């Protein structure tokens, strides 16, 4: 039965089959690395918005109030509420709190700084 199919069609079938296998393997790999992608996104957000004053989880403005160990990080809700209405001189971070995926990524990164 397969011998009656032209060689060109058989080659196309095998190329298609190989592509399907690679696509399935890639999809599996990319789903497994979603947590790493969140971590990288959180790190980028931290570097762009926080690291100027909170280098490596410290506090350069008020050294006795570092991020590491802060009660403001006890939950993502508490963390988000703090970022929406922080005390001066800290600015509000609406660019982070307005998007749940940004808040989630940043919170997960900050928690990773603490080794939780």
PDB file of N, CA and C in Angstrom:
ATOM      1  N   UNK A   1       0.824  -1.197   0.000  1.00  0.00           N
ATOM      2  CA  UNK A   1       0.000   0.000   0.000  1.00  0.00           C
ATOM      3  C   UNK A   1       0.864   1.255   0.000  1.00  0.00           C
ATOM      4  N   UNK A   2       1.848   1.341   0.877  1.00  0.00           N
ATOM      5  CA  UNK A   2       2.704   2.514   0.972  1.00  0.00           C
ATOM      6  C   UNK A   2       3.601   2.650  -0.264  1.00  0.00           C
ATOM      7  N   UNK A   3       3.909   1.528  -0.907  1.00  0.00           N
ATOM      8  CA  UNK A   3       4.762   1.560  -2.099  1.00  0.00           C
ATOM      9  C   UNK A   3       4.061   2.211  -3.283  1.00  0.00           C
ATOM     10  N   UNK A   4       2.745   2.218  -3.280  1.00  0.00           N
ATOM     11  CA  UNK A   4       2.013   2.813  -4.394  1.00  0.00           C
ATOM     12  C   UNK A   4       1.967   4.334  -4.317  1.00  0.00           C
ATOM     13  N   UNK A   5       2.356   4.906  -3.171  1.00  0.00           N
ATOM     14  CA  UNK A   5       2.378   6.365  -2.997  1.00  0.00           C
ATOM     15  C   UNK A   5       3.684   6.897  -3.605  1.00  0.00           C
ATOM     16  N   UNK A   6       3.611   7.957  -4.389  1.00  0.00           N
ATOM     17  CA  UNK A   6       4.825   8.505  -5.015  1.00  0.00           C
ATOM     18  C   UNK A   6       5.883   8.883  -3.963  1.00  0.00           C
ATOM     19  N   UNK A   7       7.139   8.784  -4.355  1.00  0.00           N
ATOM     20  CA  UNK A   7       8.272   9.051  -3.461  1.00  0.00           C
ATOM     21  C   UNK A   7       8.183  10.469  -2.890  1.00  0.00           C
ATOM     22  N   UNK A   8       7.843  11.420  -3.703  1.00  0.00           N
ATOM     23  CA  UNK A   8       7.735  12.806  -3.257  1.00  0.00           C
ATOM     24  C   UNK A   8       6.745  12.941  -2.101  1.00  0.00           C
ATOM     25  N   UNK A   9       5.606  12.299  -2.212  1.00  0.00           N
ATOM     26  CA  UNK A   9       4.579  12.354  -1.167  1.00  0.00           C
ATOM     27  C   UNK A   9       5.089  11.668   0.103  1.00  0.00           C
ATOM     28  N   UNK A  10       5.793  10.559  -0.028  1.00  0.00           N
ATOM     29  CA  UNK A  10       6.358   9.870   1.140  1.00  0.00           C
ATOM     30  C   UNK A  10       7.365  10.768   1.862  1.00  0.00           C
ATOM     31  N   UNK A  11       8.198  11.470   1.092  1.00  0.00           N
ATOM     32  CA  UNK A  11       9.184  12.369   1.697  1.00  0.00           C
ATOM     33  C   UNK A  11       8.469  13.499   2.438  1.00  0.00           C
ATOM     34  N   UNK A  12       7.455  14.080   1.803  1.00  0.00           N
ATOM     35  CA  UNK A  12       6.683  15.136   2.464  1.00  0.00           C
ATOM     36  C   UNK A  12       6.049  14.633   3.754  1.00  0.00           C
ATOM     37  N   UNK A  13       5.549  13.422   3.740  1.00  0.00           N
ATOM     38  CA  UNK A  13       4.933  12.841   4.932  1.00  0.00           C
ATOM     39  C   UNK A  13       5.957  12.713   6.060  1.00  0.00           C
ATOM     40  N   UNK A  14       7.155  12.227   5.748  1.00  0.00           N
ATOM     41  CA  UNK A  14       8.186  12.066   6.767  1.00  0.00           C
ATOM     42  C   UNK A  14       8.676  13.423   7.304  1.00  0.00           C
ATOM     43  N   UNK A  15       8.793  14.393   6.427  1.00  0.00           N
ATOM     44  CA  UNK A  15       9.176  15.740   6.859  1.00  0.00           C
ATOM     45  C   UNK A  15       8.095  16.301   7.791  1.00  0.00           C
ATOM     46  N   UNK A  16       6.849  16.126   7.432  1.00  0.00           N
ATOM     47  CA  UNK A  16       5.736  16.569   8.264  1.00  0.00           C
ATOM     48  C   UNK A  16       5.779  15.874   9.622  1.00  0.00           C
ATOM     49  N   UNK A  17       5.997  14.572   9.627  1.00  0.00           N
ATOM     50  CA  UNK A  17       6.051  13.799  10.859  1.00  0.00           C
ATOM     51  C   UNK A  17       7.187  14.278  11.768  1.00  0.00           C
ATOM     52  N   UNK A  18       8.337  14.532  11.187  1.00  0.00           N
ATOM     53  CA  UNK A  18       9.475  15.029  11.971  1.00  0.00           C
ATOM     54  C   UNK A  18       9.166  16.403  12.552  1.00  0.00           C
ATOM     55  N   UNK A  19       8.534  17.282  11.763  1.00  0.00           N
ATOM     56  CA  UNK A  19       8.151  18.603  12.261  1.00  0.00           C
ATOM     57  C   UNK A  19       7.175  18.510  13.421  1.00  0.00           C
ATOM     58  N   UNK A  20       6.217  17.624  13.331  1.00  0.00           N
ATOM     59  CA  UNK A  20       5.245  17.435  14.416  1.00  0.00           C
ATOM     60  C   UNK A  20       5.958  17.004  15.688  1.00  0.00           C
ATOM     61  N   UNK A  21       6.910  16.105  15.573  1.00  0.00           N
ATOM     62  CA  UNK A  21       7.659  15.639  16.745  1.00  0.00           C
ATOM     63  C   UNK A  21       8.439  16.801  17.365  1.00  0.00           C
ATOM     64  N   UNK A  22       9.106  17.613  16.538  1.00  0.00           N
ATOM     65  CA  UNK A  22       9.843  18.760  17.067  1.00  0.00           C
ATOM     66  C   UNK A  22       8.917  19.782  17.720  1.00  0.00           C
ATOM     67  N   UNK A  23       7.775  20.033  17.138  1.00  0.00           N
ATOM     68  CA  UNK A  23       6.819  20.979  17.709  1.00  0.00           C
ATOM     69  C   UNK A  23       6.319  20.480  19.054  1.00  0.00           C
ATOM     70  N   UNK A  24       6.012  19.200  19.149  1.00  0.00           N
ATOM     71  CA  UNK A  24       5.549  18.643  20.417  1.00  0.00           C
ATOM     72  C   UNK A  24       6.650  18.732  21.474  1.00  0.00           C
ATOM     73  N   UNK A  25       7.877  18.449  21.100  1.00  0.00           N
ATOM     74  CA  UNK A  25       9.000  18.529  22.048  1.00  0.00           C
ATOM     75  C   UNK A  25       9.208  19.971  22.502  1.00  0.00           C
ATOM     76  N   UNK A  26       9.147  20.917  21.580  1.00  0.00           N
ATOM     77  CA  UNK A  26       9.328  22.328  21.923  1.00  0.00           C
ATOM     78  C   UNK A  26       8.213  22.811  22.845  1.00  0.00           C
ATOM     79  N   UNK A  27       6.978  22.429  22.562  1.00  0.00           N
ATOM     80  CA  UNK A  27       5.849  22.827  23.409  1.00  0.00           C
ATOM     81  C   UNK A  27       6.024  22.305  24.814  1.00  0.00           C
ATOM     82  N   UNK A  28       6.458  21.090  24.935  1.00  0.00           N
ATOM     83  CA  UNK A  28       6.682  20.504  26.247  1.00  0.00           C
ATOM     84  C   UNK A  28       7.770  21.260  26.993  1.00  0.00           C
ATOM     85  N   UNK A  29       8.850  21.594  26.316  1.00  0.00           N
ATOM     86  CA  UNK A  29       9.957  22.329  26.935  1.00  0.00           C
ATOM     87  C   UNK A  29       9.504  23.718  27.365  1.00  0.00           C
ATOM     88  N   UNK A  30       8.783  24.438  26.520  1.00  0.00           N
ATOM     89  CA  UNK A  30       8.401  25.808  26.844  1.00  0.00           C
ATOM     90  C   UNK A  30       7.405  25.857  27.990  1.00  0.00           C
ATOM     91  N   UNK A  31       6.543  24.870  28.136  1.00  0.00           N
ATOM     92  CA  UNK A  31       5.617  24.847  29.267  1.00  0.00           C
ATOM     93  C   UNK A  31       6.354  24.601  30.565  1.00  0.00           C
ATOM     94  N   UNK A  32       7.398  23.781  30.536  1.00  0.00           N
ATOM     95  CA  UNK A  32       8.174  23.506  31.736  1.00  0.00           C
ATOM     96  C   UNK A  32       8.963  24.722  32.178  1.00  0.00           C
ATOM     97  N   UNK A  33       9.305  25.606  31.271  1.00  0.00           N
ATOM     98  CA  UNK A  33      10.136  26.745  31.626  1.00  0.00           C
ATOM     99  C   UNK A  33       9.331  28.006  31.920  1.00  0.00           C
ATOM    100  N   UNK A  34       7.996  27.915  32.058  1.00  0.00           N
ATOM    101  CA  UNK A  34       7.197  29.094  32.359  1.00  0.00           C
ATOM    102  C   UNK A  34       7.586  29.733  33.678  1.00  0.00           C
ATOM    103  N   UNK A  35       7.906  28.924  34.706  1.00  0.00           N
ATOM    104  CA  UNK A  35       8.289  29.506  35.981  1.00  0.00           C
ATOM    105  C   UNK A  35       9.600  30.274  35.840  1.00  0.00           C
ATOM    106  N   UNK A  36      10.521  29.801  35.019  1.00  0.00           N
ATOM    107  CA  UNK A  36      11.759  30.533  34.780  1.00  0.00           C
ATOM    108  C   UNK A  36      11.457  31.838  34.057  1.00  0.00           C
ATOM    109  N   UNK A  37      10.520  31.821  33.135  1.00  0.00           N
ATOM    110  CA  UNK A  37      10.158  33.039  32.416  1.00  0.00           C
ATOM    111  C   UNK A  37       9.584  34.061  33.372  1.00  0.00           C
ATOM    112  N   UNK A  38       8.750  33.644  34.328  1.00  0.00           N
ATOM    113  CA  UNK A  38       8.210  34.551  35.332  1.00  0.00           C
ATOM    114  C   UNK A  38       9.334  35.151  36.156  1.00  0.00           C
ATOM    115  N   UNK A  39      10.279  34.320  36.533  1.00  0.00           N
ATOM    116  CA  UNK A  39      11.392  34.792  37.327  1.00  0.00           C
ATOM    117  C   UNK A  39      12.201  35.833  36.564  1.00  0.00           C
ATOM    118  N   UNK A  40      12.464  35.596  35.307  1.00  0.00           N
ATOM    119  CA  UNK A  40      13.213  36.539  34.493  1.00  0.00           C
ATOM    120  C   UNK A  40      12.422  37.828  34.348  1.00  0.00           C
ATOM    121  N   UNK A  41      11.108  37.736  34.113  1.00  0.00           N
ATOM    122  CA  UNK A  41      10.275  38.935  34.010  1.00  0.00           C
ATOM    123  C   UNK A  41      10.292  39.726  35.290  1.00  0.00           C
ATOM    124  N   UNK A  42      10.220  39.040  36.417  1.00  0.00           N
ATOM    125  CA  UNK A  42      10.272  39.703  37.713  1.00  0.00           C
ATOM    126  C   UNK A  42      11.606  40.369  37.945  1.00  0.00           C
ATOM    127  N   UNK A  43      12.662  39.710  37.525  1.00  0.00           N
ATOM    128  CA  UNK A  43      13.999  40.287  37.682  1.00  0.00           C
ATOM    129  C   UNK A  43      14.142  41.554  36.836  1.00  0.00           C
ATOM    130  N   UNK A  44      13.612  41.504  35.615  1.00  0.00           N
ATOM    131  CA  UNK A  44      13.667  42.691  34.752  1.00  0.00           C
ATOM    132  C   UNK A  44      12.875  43.841  35.364  1.00  0.00           C
ATOM    133  N   UNK A  45      11.688  43.545  35.882  1.00  0.00           N
ATOM    134  CA  UNK A  45      10.881  44.582  36.535  1.00  0.00           C
ATOM    135  C   UNK A  45      11.613  45.158  37.740  1.00  0.00           C
ATOM    136  N   UNK A  46      12.225  44.279  38.532  1.00  0.00           N
ATOM    137  CA  UNK A  46      12.954  44.730  39.718  1.00  0.00           C
ATOM    138  C   UNK A  46      14.108  45.639  39.328  1.00  0.00           C
ATOM    139  N   UNK A  47      14.882  45.219  38.331  1.00  0.00           N
ATOM    140  CA  UNK A  47      16.030  46.028  37.905  1.00  0.00           C
ATOM    141  C   UNK A  47      15.591  47.378  37.344  1.00  0.00           C
ATOM    142  N   UNK A  48      14.484  47.404  36.622  1.00  0.00           N
ATOM    143  CA  UNK A  48      14.010  48.641  35.998  1.00  0.00           C
ATOM    144  C   UNK A  48      13.342  49.590  36.993  1.00  0.00           C
ATOM    145  N   UNK A  49      12.704  49.049  38.030  1.00  0.00           N
ATOM    146  CA  UNK A  49      11.898  49.894  38.914  1.00  0.00           C
ATOM    147  C   UNK A  49      12.386  49.987  40.356  1.00  0.00           C
ATOM    148  N   UNK A  50      13.107  48.991  40.821  1.00  0.00           N
ATOM    149  CA  UNK A  50      13.379  48.894  42.263  1.00  0.00           C
ATOM    150  C   UNK A  50      14.854  48.945  42.641  1.00  0.00           C
ATOM    151  N   UNK A  51      15.710  48.419  41.776  1.00  0.00           N
ATOM    152  CA  UNK A  51      17.101  48.214  42.172  1.00  0.00           C
ATOM    153  C   UNK A  51      17.866  49.505  42.449  1.00  0.00           C
ATOM    154  N   UNK A  52      17.384  50.631  41.969  1.00  0.00           N
ATOM    155  CA  UNK A  52      18.043  51.902  42.265  1.00  0.00           C
ATOM    156  C   UNK A  52      18.093  52.191  43.757  1.00  0.00           C
ATOM    157  N   UNK A  53      17.064  51.799  44.473  1.00  0.00           N
ATOM    158  CA  UNK A  53      17.006  52.004  45.928  1.00  0.00           C
ATOM    159  C   UNK A  53      17.095  50.696  46.708  1.00  0.00           C
ATOM    160  N   UNK A  54      16.742  49.591  46.063  1.00  0.00           N
ATOM    161  CA  UNK A  54      16.665  48.303  46.772  1.00  0.00           C
ATOM    162  C   UNK A  54      17.595  47.267  46.155  1.00  0.00           C
ATOM    163  N   UNK A  55      18.843  47.645  45.981  1.00  0.00           N
ATOM    164  CA  UNK A  55      19.828  46.759  45.389  1.00  0.00           C
ATOM    165  C   UNK A  55      19.922  45.454  46.175  1.00  0.00           C
ATOM    166  N   UNK A  56      19.673  44.332  45.486  1.00  0.00           N
ATOM    167  CA  UNK A  56      19.736  42.989  46.085  1.00  0.00           C
ATOM    168  C   UNK A  56      18.835  42.812  47.298  1.00  0.00           C
ATOM    169  N   UNK A  57      17.739  43.563  47.352  1.00  0.00           N
ATOM    170  CA  UNK A  57      16.789  43.411  48.450  1.00  0.00           C
ATOM    171  C   UNK A  57      17.089  44.260  49.664  1.00  0.00           C
ATOM    172  N   UNK A  58      18.085  45.135  49.560  1.00  0.00           N
ATOM    173  CA  UNK A  58      18.395  46.045  50.666  1.00  0.00           C
ATOM    174  C   UNK A  58      17.558  47.307  50.518  1.00  0.00           C
ATOM    175  N   UNK A  59      17.855  48.318  51.323  1.00  0.00           N
ATOM    176  CA  UNK A  59      17.198  49.615  51.192  1.00  0.00           C
ATOM    177  C   UNK A  59      18.268  50.677  51.354  1.00  0.00           C
ATOM    178  N   UNK A  60      18.650  51.308  50.265  1.00  0.00           N
ATOM    179  CA  UNK A  60      19.719  52.302  50.293  1.00  0.00           C
ATOM    180  C   UNK A  60      19.271  53.621  50.911  1.00  0.00           C
ATOM    181  N   UNK A  61      17.962  53.911  50.873  1.00  0.00           N
ATOM    182  CA  UNK A  61      17.436  55.156  51.437  1.00  0.00           C
ATOM    183  C   UNK A  61      17.242  55.010  52.949  1.00  0.00           C
ATOM    184  N   UNK A  62      16.628  53.918  53.358  1.00  0.00           N
ATOM    185  CA  UNK A  62      16.399  53.618  54.782  1.00  0.00           C
ATOM    186  C   UNK A  62      16.979  52.238  55.068  1.00  0.00           C
ATOM    187  N   UNK A  63      18.277  52.156  55.353  1.00  0.00           N
ATOM    188  CA  UNK A  63      18.950  50.868  55.512  1.00  0.00           C
ATOM    189  C   UNK A  63      18.338  49.948  56.568  1.00  0.00           C
ATOM    190  N   UNK A  64      17.655  50.513  57.539  1.00  0.00           N
ATOM    191  CA  UNK A  64      17.029  49.684  58.575  1.00  0.00           C
ATOM    192  C   UNK A  64      15.693  49.083  58.133  1.00  0.00           C
ATOM    193  N   UNK A  65      15.277  49.342  56.882  1.00  0.00           N
ATOM    194  CA  UNK A  65      14.027  48.795  56.355  1.00  0.00           C
ATOM    195  C   UNK A  65      14.261  48.121  54.999  1.00  0.00           C
ATOM    196  N   UNK A  66      15.003  47.006  54.987  1.00  0.00           N
ATOM    197  CA  UNK A  66      15.240  46.313  53.710  1.00  0.00           C
ATOM    198  C   UNK A  66      13.994  45.554  53.241  1.00  0.00           C
ATOM    199  N   UNK A  67      13.999  45.183  51.976  1.00  0.00           N
ATOM    200  CA  UNK A  67      12.912  44.351  51.448  1.00  0.00           C
ATOM    201  C   UNK A  67      12.982  42.968  52.083  1.00  0.00           C
ATOM    202  N   UNK A  68      14.194  42.451  52.167  1.00  0.00           N
ATOM    203  CA  UNK A  68      14.383  41.110  52.732  1.00  0.00           C
ATOM    204  C   UNK A  68      13.937  41.115  54.191  1.00  0.00           C
ATOM    205  N   UNK A  69      12.970  40.278  54.481  1.00  0.00           N
ATOM    206  CA  UNK A  69      12.417  40.181  55.826  1.00  0.00           C
ATOM    207  C   UNK A  69      11.266  41.130  56.100  1.00  0.00           C
ATOM    208  N   UNK A  70      10.897  41.964  55.157  1.00  0.00           N
ATOM    209  CA  UNK A  70       9.833  42.937  55.357  1.00  0.00           C
ATOM    210  C   UNK A  70       8.468  42.260  55.461  1.00  0.00           C
ATOM    211  N   UNK A  71       7.641  42.775  56.345  1.00  0.00           N
ATOM    212  CA  UNK A  71       6.267  42.273  56.472  1.00  0.00           C
ATOM    213  C   UNK A  71       5.425  42.633  55.241  1.00  0.00           C
ATOM    214  N   UNK A  72       5.898  43.590  54.461  1.00  0.00           N
ATOM    215  CA  UNK A  72       5.180  43.992  53.233  1.00  0.00           C
ATOM    216  C   UNK A  72       5.192  42.877  52.190  1.00  0.00           C
ATOM    217  N   UNK A  73       6.028  41.874  52.396  1.00  0.00           N
ATOM    218  CA  UNK A  73       6.109  40.767  51.447  1.00  0.00           C
ATOM    219  C   UNK A  73       5.453  39.492  51.967  1.00  0.00           C
ATOM    220  N   UNK A  74       4.692  39.604  53.061  1.00  0.00           N
ATOM    221  CA  UNK A  74       4.089  38.390  53.629  1.00  0.00           C
ATOM    222  C   UNK A  74       3.059  37.762  52.705  1.00  0.00           C
ATOM    223  N   UNK A  75       2.453  38.567  51.834  1.00  0.00           N
ATOM    224  CA  UNK A  75       1.537  38.027  50.824  1.00  0.00           C
ATOM    225  C   UNK A  75       1.572  38.938  49.601  1.00  0.00           C
ATOM    226  N   UNK A  76       1.125  38.400  48.499  1.00  0.00           N
ATOM    227  CA  UNK A  76       1.114  39.199  47.270  1.00  0.00           C
ATOM    228  C   UNK A  76       0.117  40.343  47.391  1.00  0.00           C
ATOM    229  N   UNK A  77      -0.965  40.132  48.104  1.00  0.00           N
ATOM    230  CA  UNK A  77      -1.971  41.187  48.291  1.00  0.00           C
ATOM    231  C   UNK A  77      -1.373  42.350  49.085  1.00  0.00           C
ATOM    232  N   UNK A  78      -0.681  42.030  50.176  1.00  0.00           N
ATOM    233  CA  UNK A  78      -0.034  43.055  50.995  1.00  0.00           C
ATOM    234  C   UNK A  78       1.033  43.788  50.188  1.00  0.00           C
ATOM    235  N   UNK A  79       1.810  43.036  49.439  1.00  0.00           N
ATOM    236  CA  UNK A  79       2.872  43.595  48.604  1.00  0.00           C
ATOM    237  C   UNK A  79       2.280  44.549  47.563  1.00  0.00           C
ATOM    238  N   UNK A  80       1.219  44.129  46.878  1.00  0.00           N
ATOM    239  CA  UNK A  80       0.573  44.966  45.865  1.00  0.00           C
ATOM    240  C   UNK A  80      -0.020  46.229  46.459  1.00  0.00           C
ATOM    241  N   UNK A  81      -0.666  46.102  47.619  1.00  0.00           N
ATOM    242  CA  UNK A  81      -1.257  47.273  48.282  1.00  0.00           C
ATOM    243  C   UNK A  81      -0.178  48.276  48.671  1.00  0.00           C
ATOM    244  N   UNK A  82       0.964  47.774  49.122  1.00  0.00           N
ATOM    245  CA  UNK A  82       2.075  48.658  49.478  1.00  0.00           C
ATOM    246  C   UNK A  82       2.610  49.397  48.254  1.00  0.00           C
ATOM    247  N   UNK A  83       2.744  48.691  47.132  1.00  0.00           N
ATOM    248  CA  UNK A  83       3.250  49.340  45.911  1.00  0.00           C
ATOM    249  C   UNK A  83       2.276  50.373  45.364  1.00  0.00           C
ATOM    250  N   UNK A  84       0.989  50.191  45.624  1.00  0.00           N
ATOM    251  CA  UNK A  84      -0.007  51.159  45.152  1.00  0.00           C
ATOM    252  C   UNK A  84       0.005  52.438  45.983  1.00  0.00           C
ATOM    253  N   UNK A  85       0.372  52.329  47.249  1.00  0.00           N
ATOM    254  CA  UNK A  85       0.340  53.497  48.123  1.00  0.00           C
ATOM    255  C   UNK A  85       1.524  53.476  49.092  1.00  0.00           C
ATOM    256  N   UNK A  86       2.744  53.606  48.559  1.00  0.00           N
ATOM    257  CA  UNK A  86       3.922  53.555  49.421  1.00  0.00           C
ATOM    258  C   UNK A  86       4.171  54.895  50.124  1.00  0.00           C
ATOM    259  N   UNK A  87       4.914  54.869  51.223  1.00  0.00           N
ATOM    260  CA  UNK A  87       5.248  56.133  51.886  1.00  0.00           C
ATOM    261  C   UNK A  87       6.338  56.874  51.098  1.00  0.00           C
ATOM    262  N   UNK A  88       6.356  58.193  51.189  1.00  0.00           N
ATOM    263  CA  UNK A  88       7.417  58.950  50.527  1.00  0.00           C
ATOM    264  C   UNK A  88       8.780  58.571  51.119  1.00  0.00           C
ATOM    265  N   UNK A  89       9.803  58.602  50.376  1.00  0.00           N
ATOM    266  CA  UNK A  89       9.985  59.133  49.029  1.00  0.00           C
ATOM    267  C   UNK A  89       9.736  58.098  47.929  1.00  0.00           C
ATOM    268  N   UNK A  90       9.246  56.927  48.306  1.00  0.00           N
ATOM    269  CA  UNK A  90       9.026  55.869  47.321  1.00  0.00           C
ATOM    270  C   UNK A  90       7.850  56.235  46.404  1.00  0.00           C
ATOM    271  N   UNK A  91       8.041  56.121  45.089  1.00  0.00           N
ATOM    272  CA  UNK A  91       6.949  56.444  44.163  1.00  0.00           C
ATOM    273  C   UNK A  91       5.938  55.293  44.068  1.00  0.00           C
ATOM    274  N   UNK A  92       4.765  55.621  43.561  1.00  0.00           N
ATOM    275  CA  UNK A  92       3.760  54.588  43.278  1.00  0.00           C
ATOM    276  C   UNK A  92       4.185  53.847  42.020  1.00  0.00           C
ATOM    277  N   UNK A  93       3.837  52.568  41.945  1.00  0.00           N
ATOM    278  CA  UNK A  93       4.218  51.756  40.797  1.00  0.00           C
ATOM    279  C   UNK A  93       2.983  51.192  40.102  1.00  0.00           C
ATOM    280  N   UNK A  94       2.186  52.101  39.516  1.00  0.00           N
ATOM    281  CA  UNK A  94       0.966  51.704  38.811  1.00  0.00           C
ATOM    282  C   UNK A  94       1.284  50.817  37.611  1.00  0.00           C
ATOM    283  N   UNK A  95       2.461  50.983  37.013  1.00  0.00           N
ATOM    284  CA  UNK A  95       2.838  50.149  35.865  1.00  0.00           C
ATOM    285  C   UNK A  95       2.970  48.683  36.273  1.00  0.00           C
ATOM    286  N   UNK A  96       3.203  48.435  37.535  1.00  0.00           N
ATOM    287  CA  UNK A  96       3.318  47.061  38.029  1.00  0.00           C
ATOM    288  C   UNK A  96       1.986  46.577  38.593  1.00  0.00           C
ATOM    289  N   UNK A  97       1.354  47.387  39.425  1.00  0.00           N
ATOM    290  CA  UNK A  97       0.128  46.936  40.091  1.00  0.00           C
ATOM    291  C   UNK A  97      -1.071  46.863  39.160  1.00  0.00           C
ATOM    292  N   UNK A  98      -1.039  47.589  38.048  1.00  0.00           N
ATOM    293  CA  UNK A  98      -2.175  47.570  37.112  1.00  0.00           C
ATOM    294  C   UNK A  98      -2.253  46.263  36.326  1.00  0.00           C
ATOM    295  N   UNK A  99      -1.140  45.552  36.243  1.00  0.00           N
ATOM    296  CA  UNK A  99      -1.120  44.291  35.492  1.00  0.00           C
ATOM    297  C   UNK A  99      -0.797  43.154  36.448  1.00  0.00           C
ATOM    298  N   UNK A 100      -1.764  42.282  36.712  1.00  0.00           N
ATOM    299  CA  UNK A 100      -1.530  41.174  37.649  1.00  0.00           C
ATOM    300  C   UNK A 100      -0.321  40.310  37.310  1.00  0.00           C
ATOM    301  N   UNK A 101      -0.044  40.134  36.001  1.00  0.00           N
ATOM    302  CA  UNK A 101       1.108  39.308  35.634  1.00  0.00           C
ATOM    303  C   UNK A 101       2.426  39.987  36.022  1.00  0.00           C
ATOM    304  N   UNK A 102       2.469  41.330  35.964  1.00  0.00           N
ATOM    305  CA  UNK A 102       3.666  42.052  36.396  1.00  0.00           C
ATOM    306  C   UNK A 102       3.832  41.968  37.910  1.00  0.00           C
ATOM    307  N   UNK A 103       2.739  42.178  38.632  1.00  0.00           N
ATOM    308  CA  UNK A 103       2.792  42.104  40.091  1.00  0.00           C
ATOM    309  C   UNK A 103       3.210  40.701  40.528  1.00  0.00           C
ATOM    310  N   UNK A 104       2.644  39.688  39.908  1.00  0.00           N
ATOM    311  CA  UNK A 104       2.978  38.302  40.233  1.00  0.00           C
ATOM    312  C   UNK A 104       4.459  38.018  39.971  1.00  0.00           C
ATOM    313  N   UNK A 105       4.950  38.451  38.820  1.00  0.00           N
ATOM    314  CA  UNK A 105       6.351  38.208  38.471  1.00  0.00           C
ATOM    315  C   UNK A 105       7.291  38.925  39.435  1.00  0.00           C
ATOM    316  N   UNK A 106       6.983  40.189  39.751  1.00  0.00           N
ATOM    317  CA  UNK A 106       7.835  40.940  40.668  1.00  0.00           C
ATOM    318  C   UNK A 106       7.796  40.337  42.064  1.00  0.00           C
ATOM    319  N   UNK A 107       6.608  40.005  42.531  1.00  0.00           N
ATOM    320  CA  UNK A 107       6.474  39.408  43.863  1.00  0.00           C
ATOM    321  C   UNK A 107       7.265  38.103  43.949  1.00  0.00           C
ATOM    322  N   UNK A 108       7.136  37.252  42.954  1.00  0.00           N
ATOM    323  CA  UNK A 108       7.875  35.982  42.956  1.00  0.00           C
ATOM    324  C   UNK A 108       9.384  36.219  42.950  1.00  0.00           C
ATOM    325  N   UNK A 109       9.832  37.226  42.232  1.00  0.00           N
ATOM    326  CA  UNK A 109      11.263  37.524  42.215  1.00  0.00           C
ATOM    327  C   UNK A 109      11.719  38.024  43.586  1.00  0.00           C
ATOM    328  N   UNK A 110      10.960  38.929  44.178  1.00  0.00           N
ATOM    329  CA  UNK A 110      11.326  39.476  45.499  1.00  0.00           C
ATOM    330  C   UNK A 110      11.368  38.346  46.532  1.00  0.00           C
ATOM    331  N   UNK A 111      10.401  37.447  46.478  1.00  0.00           N
ATOM    332  CA  UNK A 111      10.383  36.305  47.392  1.00  0.00           C
ATOM    333  C   UNK A 111      11.624  35.436  47.158  1.00  0.00           C
ATOM    334  N   UNK A 112      12.023  35.287  45.898  1.00  0.00           N
ATOM    335  CA  UNK A 112      13.220  34.472  45.616  1.00  0.00           C
ATOM    336  C   UNK A 112      14.475  35.109  46.215  1.00  0.00           C
ATOM    337  N   UNK A 113      14.501  36.439  46.327  1.00  0.00           N
ATOM    338  CA  UNK A 113      15.638  37.120  46.951  1.00  0.00           C
ATOM    339  C   UNK A 113      15.760  36.721  48.428  1.00  0.00           C
ATOM    340  N   UNK A 114      14.629  36.414  49.023  1.00  0.00           N
ATOM    341  CA  UNK A 114      14.611  36.066  50.444  1.00  0.00           C
ATOM    342  C   UNK A 114      14.834  34.585  50.688  1.00  0.00           C
ATOM    343  N   UNK A 115      14.881  33.809  49.610  1.00  0.00           N
ATOM    344  CA  UNK A 115      15.104  32.372  49.765  1.00  0.00           C
ATOM    345  C   UNK A 115      13.892  31.615  50.246  1.00  0.00           C
ATOM    346  N   UNK A 116      12.693  32.197  50.066  1.00  0.00           N
ATOM    347  CA  UNK A 116      11.461  31.511  50.497  1.00  0.00           C
ATOM    348  C   UNK A 116      11.056  30.488  49.485  1.00  0.00           C
TER     349      UNK A 116
END
